[in-house]
Amino acid sequence: PSAGGVLHVDKRTATSATPADKAGDSVERFEV
């Protein structure tokens, strides 16, 4: 919206490895 609107970006505490992370790095998740 042109007048802004209310957005929520919330960090989720769970960290896990994804298939793309070959080295097993942790990933941070954010819910929008």
Full PDB file with SEQRES, HELIX, SHEET, SSBOND, CRYST1, ORIGX, SCALE, CONECT and MASTER records, all heavy atoms in Angstrom:
SEQRES   1 A   32  PRO SER ALA GLY GLY VAL LEU HIS VAL ASP LYS ARG THR          
SEQRES   2 A   32  ALA THR SER ALA THR PRO ALA ASP LYS ALA GLY ASP SER          
SEQRES   3 A   32  VAL GLU ARG PHE GLU VAL                                      
SHEET    1 AA1 2 ASP A  10  SER A  16  0                                        
SHEET    2 AA1 2 VAL A  27  GLU A  31 -1                                        
CRYST1    1.000    1.000    1.000  90.00  90.00  90.00 P 1           1          
ORIGX1      1.000000  0.000000  0.000000        0.00000                         
ORIGX2      0.000000  1.000000  0.000000        0.00000                         
ORIGX3      0.000000  0.000000  1.000000        0.00000                         
SCALE1      1.000000  0.000000  0.000000        0.00000                         
SCALE2      0.000000  1.000000  0.000000        0.00000                         
SCALE3      0.000000  0.000000  1.000000        0.00000                         
ATOM      1  N   PRO A   1       0.822  -1.212   0.000  1.00  0.00           N  
ATOM      2  CA  PRO A   1       0.000   0.000   0.000  1.00  0.00           C  
ATOM      3  C   PRO A   1       0.853   1.258   0.000  1.00  0.00           C  
ATOM      4  O   PRO A   1       1.955   1.269   0.545  1.00  0.00           O  
ATOM      5  CB  PRO A   1      -0.810  -0.122   1.290  1.00  0.00           C  
ATOM      6  CG  PRO A   1       0.009  -0.988   2.166  1.00  0.00           C  
ATOM      7  CD  PRO A   1       0.735  -1.934   1.252  1.00  0.00           C  
ATOM      8  N   SER A   2       0.300   2.297  -0.619  1.00  0.00           N  
ATOM      9  CA  SER A   2       1.050   3.553  -0.711  1.00  0.00           C  
ATOM     10  C   SER A   2       1.155   4.251   0.639  1.00  0.00           C  
ATOM     11  O   SER A   2       2.067   5.028   0.858  1.00  0.00           O  
ATOM     12  CB  SER A   2       0.378   4.480  -1.717  1.00  0.00           C  
ATOM     13  OG  SER A   2      -0.953   4.741  -1.310  1.00  0.00           O  
ATOM     14  N   ALA A   3       0.227   3.976   1.537  1.00  0.00           N  
ATOM     15  CA  ALA A   3       0.235   4.656   2.830  1.00  0.00           C  
ATOM     16  C   ALA A   3       0.913   3.840   3.917  1.00  0.00           C  
ATOM     17  O   ALA A   3       0.724   4.093   5.085  1.00  0.00           O  
ATOM     18  CB  ALA A   3      -1.197   4.986   3.241  1.00  0.00           C  
ATOM     19  N   GLY A   4       1.698   2.857   3.533  1.00  0.00           N  
ATOM     20  CA  GLY A   4       2.447   2.090   4.531  1.00  0.00           C  
ATOM     21  C   GLY A   4       1.829   0.758   4.830  1.00  0.00           C  
ATOM     22  O   GLY A   4       2.147  -0.227   4.204  1.00  0.00           O  
ATOM     23  N   GLY A   5       0.935   0.686   5.763  1.00  0.00           N  
ATOM     24  CA  GLY A   5       0.385  -0.597   6.176  1.00  0.00           C  
ATOM     25  C   GLY A   5       1.235  -1.173   7.292  1.00  0.00           C  
ATOM     26  O   GLY A   5       2.376  -0.805   7.474  1.00  0.00           O  
ATOM     27  N   VAL A   6       0.657  -2.102   8.022  1.00  0.00           N  
ATOM     28  CA  VAL A   6       1.337  -2.670   9.174  1.00  0.00           C  
ATOM     29  C   VAL A   6       1.982  -3.991   8.787  1.00  0.00           C  
ATOM     30  O   VAL A   6       1.309  -4.927   8.377  1.00  0.00           O  
ATOM     31  CB  VAL A   6       0.350  -2.876  10.343  1.00  0.00           C  
ATOM     32  CG1 VAL A   6       1.044  -3.507  11.528  1.00  0.00           C  
ATOM     33  CG2 VAL A   6      -0.281  -1.555  10.738  1.00  0.00           C  
ATOM     34  N   LEU A   7       3.301  -4.048   8.884  1.00  0.00           N  
ATOM     35  CA  LEU A   7       4.074  -5.259   8.608  1.00  0.00           C  
ATOM     36  C   LEU A   7       4.590  -5.846   9.912  1.00  0.00           C  
ATOM     37  O   LEU A   7       4.968  -5.109  10.824  1.00  0.00           O  
ATOM     38  CB  LEU A   7       5.293  -4.923   7.747  1.00  0.00           C  
ATOM     39  CG  LEU A   7       5.105  -4.854   6.264  1.00  0.00           C  
ATOM     40  CD1 LEU A   7       6.369  -4.328   5.609  1.00  0.00           C  
ATOM     41  CD2 LEU A   7       4.745  -6.194   5.688  1.00  0.00           C  
ATOM     42  N   HIS A   8       4.625  -7.177   9.980  1.00  0.00           N  
ATOM     43  CA  HIS A   8       5.196  -7.860  11.133  1.00  0.00           C  
ATOM     44  C   HIS A   8       6.347  -8.732  10.647  1.00  0.00           C  
ATOM     45  O   HIS A   8       6.169  -9.539   9.747  1.00  0.00           O  
ATOM     46  CB  HIS A   8       4.153  -8.736  11.828  1.00  0.00           C  
ATOM     47  CG  HIS A   8       2.944  -7.980  12.281  1.00  0.00           C  
ATOM     48  ND1 HIS A   8       2.952  -7.164  13.386  1.00  0.00           N  
ATOM     49  CD2 HIS A   8       1.692  -7.912  11.777  1.00  0.00           C  
ATOM     50  CE1 HIS A   8       1.753  -6.624  13.537  1.00  0.00           C  
ATOM     51  NE2 HIS A   8       0.976  -7.062  12.570  1.00  0.00           N  
ATOM     52  N   VAL A   9       7.514  -8.550  11.233  1.00  0.00           N  
ATOM     53  CA  VAL A   9       8.667  -9.411  10.969  1.00  0.00           C  
ATOM     54  C   VAL A   9       9.087  -9.958  12.331  1.00  0.00           C  
ATOM     55  O   VAL A   9       9.567  -9.212  13.178  1.00  0.00           O  
ATOM     56  CB  VAL A   9       9.830  -8.636  10.314  1.00  0.00           C  
ATOM     57  CG1 VAL A   9      11.024  -9.545  10.098  1.00  0.00           C  
ATOM     58  CG2 VAL A   9       9.390  -8.014   8.998  1.00  0.00           C  
ATOM     59  N   ASP A  10       8.852 -11.257  12.533  1.00  0.00           N  
ATOM     60  CA  ASP A  10       9.122 -11.873  13.822  1.00  0.00           C  
ATOM     61  C   ASP A  10      10.162 -12.964  13.678  1.00  0.00           C  
ATOM     62  O   ASP A  10      10.012 -13.870  12.855  1.00  0.00           O  
ATOM     63  CB  ASP A  10       7.830 -12.480  14.403  1.00  0.00           C  
ATOM     64  CG  ASP A  10       6.747 -11.430  14.592  1.00  0.00           C  
ATOM     65  OD1 ASP A  10       7.068 -10.358  15.139  1.00  0.00           O  
ATOM     66  OD2 ASP A  10       5.600 -11.679  14.189  1.00  0.00           O  
ATOM     67  N   LYS A  11      11.196 -12.891  14.505  1.00  0.00           N  
ATOM     68  CA  LYS A  11      12.239 -13.909  14.494  1.00  0.00           C  
ATOM     69  C   LYS A  11      11.712 -15.153  15.191  1.00  0.00           C  
ATOM     70  O   LYS A  11      11.122 -15.074  16.265  1.00  0.00           O  
ATOM     71  CB  LYS A  11      13.487 -13.389  15.201  1.00  0.00           C  
ATOM     72  CG  LYS A  11      14.651 -14.348  15.150  1.00  0.00           C  
ATOM     73  CD  LYS A  11      15.881 -13.723  15.767  1.00  0.00           C  
ATOM     74  CE  LYS A  11      17.063 -14.662  15.637  1.00  0.00           C  
ATOM     75  NZ  LYS A  11      18.276 -14.044  16.185  1.00  0.00           N  
ATOM     76  N   ARG A  12      11.914 -16.293  14.566  1.00  0.00           N  
ATOM     77  CA  ARG A  12      11.540 -17.576  15.151  1.00  0.00           C  
ATOM     78  C   ARG A  12      12.793 -18.208  15.734  1.00  0.00           C  
ATOM     79  O   ARG A  12      13.864 -18.157  15.126  1.00  0.00           O  
ATOM     80  CB  ARG A  12      10.891 -18.493  14.121  1.00  0.00           C  
ATOM     81  CG  ARG A  12       9.618 -17.925  13.532  1.00  0.00           C  
ATOM     82  CD  ARG A  12       8.612 -17.706  14.635  1.00  0.00           C  
ATOM     83  NE  ARG A  12       7.353 -17.221  14.077  1.00  0.00           N  
ATOM     84  CZ  ARG A  12       6.518 -16.464  14.748  1.00  0.00           C  
ATOM     85  NH1 ARG A  12       6.794 -16.099  15.968  1.00  0.00           N  
ATOM     86  NH2 ARG A  12       5.394 -16.067  14.206  1.00  0.00           N  
ATOM     87  N   THR A  13      12.678 -18.825  16.871  1.00  0.00           N  
ATOM     88  CA  THR A  13      13.862 -19.307  17.591  1.00  0.00           C  
ATOM     89  C   THR A  13      14.435 -20.598  17.040  1.00  0.00           C  
ATOM     90  O   THR A  13      15.593 -20.895  17.267  1.00  0.00           O  
ATOM     91  CB  THR A  13      13.530 -19.506  19.076  1.00  0.00           C  
ATOM     92  OG1 THR A  13      12.425 -20.419  19.176  1.00  0.00           O  
ATOM     93  CG2 THR A  13      13.190 -18.189  19.727  1.00  0.00           C  
ATOM     94  N   ALA A  14      13.652 -21.380  16.317  1.00  0.00           N  
ATOM     95  CA  ALA A  14      14.157 -22.673  15.839  1.00  0.00           C  
ATOM     96  C   ALA A  14      15.219 -22.467  14.763  1.00  0.00           C  
ATOM     97  O   ALA A  14      15.027 -21.705  13.826  1.00  0.00           O  
ATOM     98  CB  ALA A  14      13.017 -23.505  15.278  1.00  0.00           C  
ATOM     99  N   THR A  15      16.341 -23.133  14.910  1.00  0.00           N  
ATOM    100  CA  THR A  15      17.377 -23.141  13.878  1.00  0.00           C  
ATOM    101  C   THR A  15      17.570 -24.569  13.435  1.00  0.00           C  
ATOM    102  O   THR A  15      17.534 -25.492  14.234  1.00  0.00           O  
ATOM    103  CB  THR A  15      18.708 -22.559  14.387  1.00  0.00           C  
ATOM    104  OG1 THR A  15      19.123 -23.320  15.507  1.00  0.00           O  
ATOM    105  CG2 THR A  15      18.581 -21.102  14.748  1.00  0.00           C  
ATOM    106  N   SER A  16      17.728 -24.762  12.154  1.00  0.00           N  
ATOM    107  CA  SER A  16      17.922 -26.113  11.623  1.00  0.00           C  
ATOM    108  C   SER A  16      18.726 -26.033  10.351  1.00  0.00           C  
ATOM    109  O   SER A  16      18.851 -24.983   9.742  1.00  0.00           O  
ATOM    110  CB  SER A  16      16.563 -26.765  11.349  1.00  0.00           C  
ATOM    111  OG  SER A  16      15.894 -26.046  10.340  1.00  0.00           O  
ATOM    112  N   ALA A  17      19.253 -27.160   9.944  1.00  0.00           N  
ATOM    113  CA  ALA A  17      20.005 -27.224   8.699  1.00  0.00           C  
ATOM    114  C   ALA A  17      19.048 -27.530   7.560  1.00  0.00           C  
ATOM    115  O   ALA A  17      18.111 -28.298   7.712  1.00  0.00           O  
ATOM    116  CB  ALA A  17      21.065 -28.301   8.788  1.00  0.00           C  
ATOM    117  N   THR A  18      19.261 -26.891   6.427  1.00  0.00           N  
ATOM    118  CA  THR A  18      18.465 -27.162   5.238  1.00  0.00           C  
ATOM    119  C   THR A  18      19.322 -27.919   4.245  1.00  0.00           C  
ATOM    120  O   THR A  18      20.546 -27.923   4.364  1.00  0.00           O  
ATOM    121  CB  THR A  18      17.968 -25.833   4.610  1.00  0.00           C  
ATOM    122  OG1 THR A  18      19.112 -25.088   4.204  1.00  0.00           O  
ATOM    123  CG2 THR A  18      17.132 -25.025   5.584  1.00  0.00           C  
ATOM    124  N   PRO A  19      18.719 -28.556   3.243  1.00  0.00           N  
ATOM    125  CA  PRO A  19      19.528 -29.269   2.252  1.00  0.00           C  
ATOM    126  C   PRO A  19      20.538 -28.372   1.547  1.00  0.00           C  
ATOM    127  O   PRO A  19      21.589 -28.830   1.138  1.00  0.00           O  
ATOM    128  CB  PRO A  19      18.487 -29.802   1.273  1.00  0.00           C  
ATOM    129  CG  PRO A  19      17.215 -29.841   2.041  1.00  0.00           C  
ATOM    130  CD  PRO A  19      17.301 -28.747   3.049  1.00  0.00           C  
ATOM    131  N   ALA A  20      20.226 -27.090   1.425  1.00  0.00           N  
ATOM    132  CA  ALA A  20      21.137 -26.169   0.751  1.00  0.00           C  
ATOM    133  C   ALA A  20      22.389 -25.913   1.585  1.00  0.00           C  
ATOM    134  O   ALA A  20      23.420 -25.523   1.067  1.00  0.00           O  
ATOM    135  CB  ALA A  20      20.435 -24.857   0.452  1.00  0.00           C  
ATOM    136  N   ASP A  21      22.286 -26.140   2.885  1.00  0.00           N  
ATOM    137  CA  ASP A  21      23.430 -25.907   3.762  1.00  0.00           C  
ATOM    138  C   ASP A  21      24.250 -27.193   3.852  1.00  0.00           C  
ATOM    139  O   ASP A  21      24.109 -27.988   4.762  1.00  0.00           O  
ATOM    140  CB  ASP A  21      22.969 -25.491   5.166  1.00  0.00           C  
ATOM    141  CG  ASP A  21      22.213 -24.186   5.151  1.00  0.00           C  
ATOM    142  OD1 ASP A  21      22.567 -23.324   4.336  1.00  0.00           O  
ATOM    143  OD2 ASP A  21      21.281 -24.049   5.947  1.00  0.00           O  
ATOM    144  N   LYS A  22      25.113 -27.385   2.915  1.00  0.00           N  
ATOM    145  CA  LYS A  22      25.902 -28.618   2.849  1.00  0.00           C  
ATOM    146  C   LYS A  22      26.807 -28.759   4.070  1.00  0.00           C  
ATOM    147  O   LYS A  22      27.078 -29.841   4.540  1.00  0.00           O  
ATOM    148  CB  LYS A  22      26.734 -28.635   1.577  1.00  0.00           C  
ATOM    149  CG  LYS A  22      25.895 -28.479   0.324  1.00  0.00           C  
ATOM    150  CD  LYS A  22      26.158 -29.590  -0.623  1.00  0.00           C  
ATOM    151  CE  LYS A  22      25.494 -29.436  -1.953  1.00  0.00           C  
ATOM    152  NZ  LYS A  22      24.152 -29.195  -2.053  1.00  0.00           N  
ATOM    153  N   ALA A  23      27.273 -27.629   4.609  1.00  0.00           N  
ATOM    154  CA  ALA A  23      28.162 -27.686   5.767  1.00  0.00           C  
ATOM    155  C   ALA A  23      27.377 -27.810   7.068  1.00  0.00           C  
ATOM    156  O   ALA A  23      27.970 -27.905   8.132  1.00  0.00           O  
ATOM    157  CB  ALA A  23      29.035 -26.435   5.800  1.00  0.00           C  
ATOM    158  N   GLY A  24      26.059 -27.797   7.002  1.00  0.00           N  
ATOM    159  CA  GLY A  24      25.241 -27.915   8.206  1.00  0.00           C  
ATOM    160  C   GLY A  24      25.146 -26.622   8.991  1.00  0.00           C  
ATOM    161  O   GLY A  24      24.895 -26.649  10.183  1.00  0.00           O  
ATOM    162  N   ASP A  25      25.358 -25.483   8.310  1.00  0.00           N  
ATOM    163  CA  ASP A  25      25.242 -24.202   8.995  1.00  0.00           C  
ATOM    164  C   ASP A  25      23.815 -24.015   9.472  1.00  0.00           C  
ATOM    165  O   ASP A  25      22.875 -24.498   8.871  1.00  0.00           O  
ATOM    166  CB  ASP A  25      25.611 -23.048   8.051  1.00  0.00           C  
ATOM    167  CG  ASP A  25      27.072 -23.070   7.654  1.00  0.00           C  
ATOM    168  OD1 ASP A  25      27.869 -23.624   8.428  1.00  0.00           O  
ATOM    169  OD2 ASP A  25      27.391 -22.559   6.567  1.00  0.00           O  
ATOM    170  N   SER A  26      23.658 -23.289  10.549  1.00  0.00           N  
ATOM    171  CA  SER A  26      22.311 -23.036  11.034  1.00  0.00           C  
ATOM    172  C   SER A  26      21.672 -21.902  10.236  1.00  0.00           C  
ATOM    173  O   SER A  26      22.345 -21.099   9.611  1.00  0.00           O  
ATOM    174  CB  SER A  26      22.338 -22.710  12.522  1.00  0.00           C  
ATOM    175  OG  SER A  26      23.089 -21.547  12.746  1.00  0.00           O  
ATOM    176  N   VAL A  27      20.361 -21.913  10.266  1.00  0.00           N  
ATOM    177  CA  VAL A  27      19.574 -20.948   9.517  1.00  0.00           C  
ATOM    178  C   VAL A  27      18.672 -20.224  10.499  1.00  0.00           C  
ATOM    179  O   VAL A  27      18.101 -20.839  11.391  1.00  0.00           O  
ATOM    180  CB  VAL A  27      18.714 -21.666   8.449  1.00  0.00           C  
ATOM    181  CG1 VAL A  27      17.783 -20.704   7.759  1.00  0.00           C  
ATOM    182  CG2 VAL A  27      19.587 -22.373   7.444  1.00  0.00           C  
ATOM    183  N   GLU A  28      18.550 -18.931  10.353  1.00  0.00           N  
ATOM    184  CA  GLU A  28      17.616 -18.180  11.174  1.00  0.00           C  
ATOM    185  C   GLU A  28      16.344 -17.969  10.375  1.00  0.00           C  
ATOM    186  O   GLU A  28      16.390 -17.689   9.185  1.00  0.00           O  
ATOM    187  CB  GLU A  28      18.233 -16.848  11.600  1.00  0.00           C  
ATOM    188  CG  GLU A  28      19.378 -17.041  12.555  1.00  0.00           C  
ATOM    189  CD  GLU A  28      19.826 -15.759  13.215  1.00  0.00           C  
ATOM    190  OE1 GLU A  28      19.184 -14.711  13.010  1.00  0.00           O  
ATOM    191  OE2 GLU A  28      20.830 -15.818  13.930  1.00  0.00           O  
ATOM    192  N   ARG A  29      15.208 -18.114  11.043  1.00  0.00           N  
ATOM    193  CA  ARG A  29      13.918 -18.006  10.372  1.00  0.00           C  
ATOM    194  C   ARG A  29      13.173 -16.771  10.874  1.00  0.00           C  
ATOM    195  O   ARG A  29      13.178 -16.478  12.061  1.00  0.00           O  
ATOM    196  CB  ARG A  29      13.097 -19.255  10.616  1.00  0.00           C  
ATOM    197  CG  ARG A  29      13.738 -20.499  10.069  1.00  0.00           C  
ATOM    198  CD  ARG A  29      12.781 -21.675  10.178  1.00  0.00           C  
ATOM    199  NE  ARG A  29      13.422 -22.932   9.857  1.00  0.00           N  
ATOM    200  CZ  ARG A  29      13.745 -23.339   8.642  1.00  0.00           C  
ATOM    201  NH1 ARG A  29      13.496 -22.572   7.626  1.00  0.00           N  
ATOM    202  NH2 ARG A  29      14.312 -24.503   8.454  1.00  0.00           N  
ATOM    203  N   PHE A  30      12.536 -16.092   9.906  1.00  0.00           N  
ATOM    204  CA  PHE A  30      11.757 -14.907  10.213  1.00  0.00           C  
ATOM    205  C   PHE A  30      10.393 -15.049   9.551  1.00  0.00           C  
ATOM    206  O   PHE A  30      10.315 -15.331   8.356  1.00  0.00           O  
ATOM    207  CB  PHE A  30      12.462 -13.642   9.701  1.00  0.00           C  
ATOM    208  CG  PHE A  30      13.793 -13.409  10.346  1.00  0.00           C  
ATOM    209  CD1 PHE A  30      14.945 -13.987   9.838  1.00  0.00           C  
ATOM    210  CD2 PHE A  30      13.891 -12.626  11.480  1.00  0.00           C  
ATOM    211  CE1 PHE A  30      16.168 -13.787  10.434  1.00  0.00           C  
ATOM    212  CE2 PHE A  30      15.118 -12.423  12.091  1.00  0.00           C  
ATOM    213  CZ  PHE A  30      16.259 -13.003  11.562  1.00  0.00           C  
ATOM    214  N   GLU A  31       9.347 -14.839  10.329  1.00  0.00           N  
ATOM    215  CA  GLU A  31       7.994 -14.913   9.783  1.00  0.00           C  
ATOM    216  C   GLU A  31       7.527 -13.511   9.431  1.00  0.00           C  
ATOM    217  O   GLU A  31       7.585 -12.601  10.258  1.00  0.00           O  
ATOM    218  CB  GLU A  31       7.047 -15.556  10.796  1.00  0.00           C  
ATOM    219  CG  GLU A  31       5.664 -15.805  10.216  1.00  0.00           C  
ATOM    220  CD  GLU A  31       4.817 -16.632  11.157  1.00  0.00           C  
ATOM    221  OE1 GLU A  31       5.132 -17.822  11.356  1.00  0.00           O  
ATOM    222  OE2 GLU A  31       3.849 -16.062  11.686  1.00  0.00           O  
ATOM    223  N   VAL A  32       7.077 -13.356   8.188  1.00  0.00           N  
ATOM    224  CA  VAL A  32       6.613 -12.066   7.696  1.00  0.00           C  
ATOM    225  C   VAL A  32       5.111 -12.155   7.488  1.00  0.00           C  
ATOM    226  O   VAL A  32       4.616 -13.072   6.814  1.00  0.00           O  
ATOM    227  CB  VAL A  32       7.306 -11.691   6.365  1.00  0.00           C  
ATOM    228  CG1 VAL A  32       6.739 -10.392   5.820  1.00  0.00           C  
ATOM    229  CG2 VAL A  32       8.805 -11.581   6.555  1.00  0.00           C  
TER     230      VAL A  32                                                      
MASTER        0    0    0    0    2    0    0    6  229    1    0    3          
END                                                                             
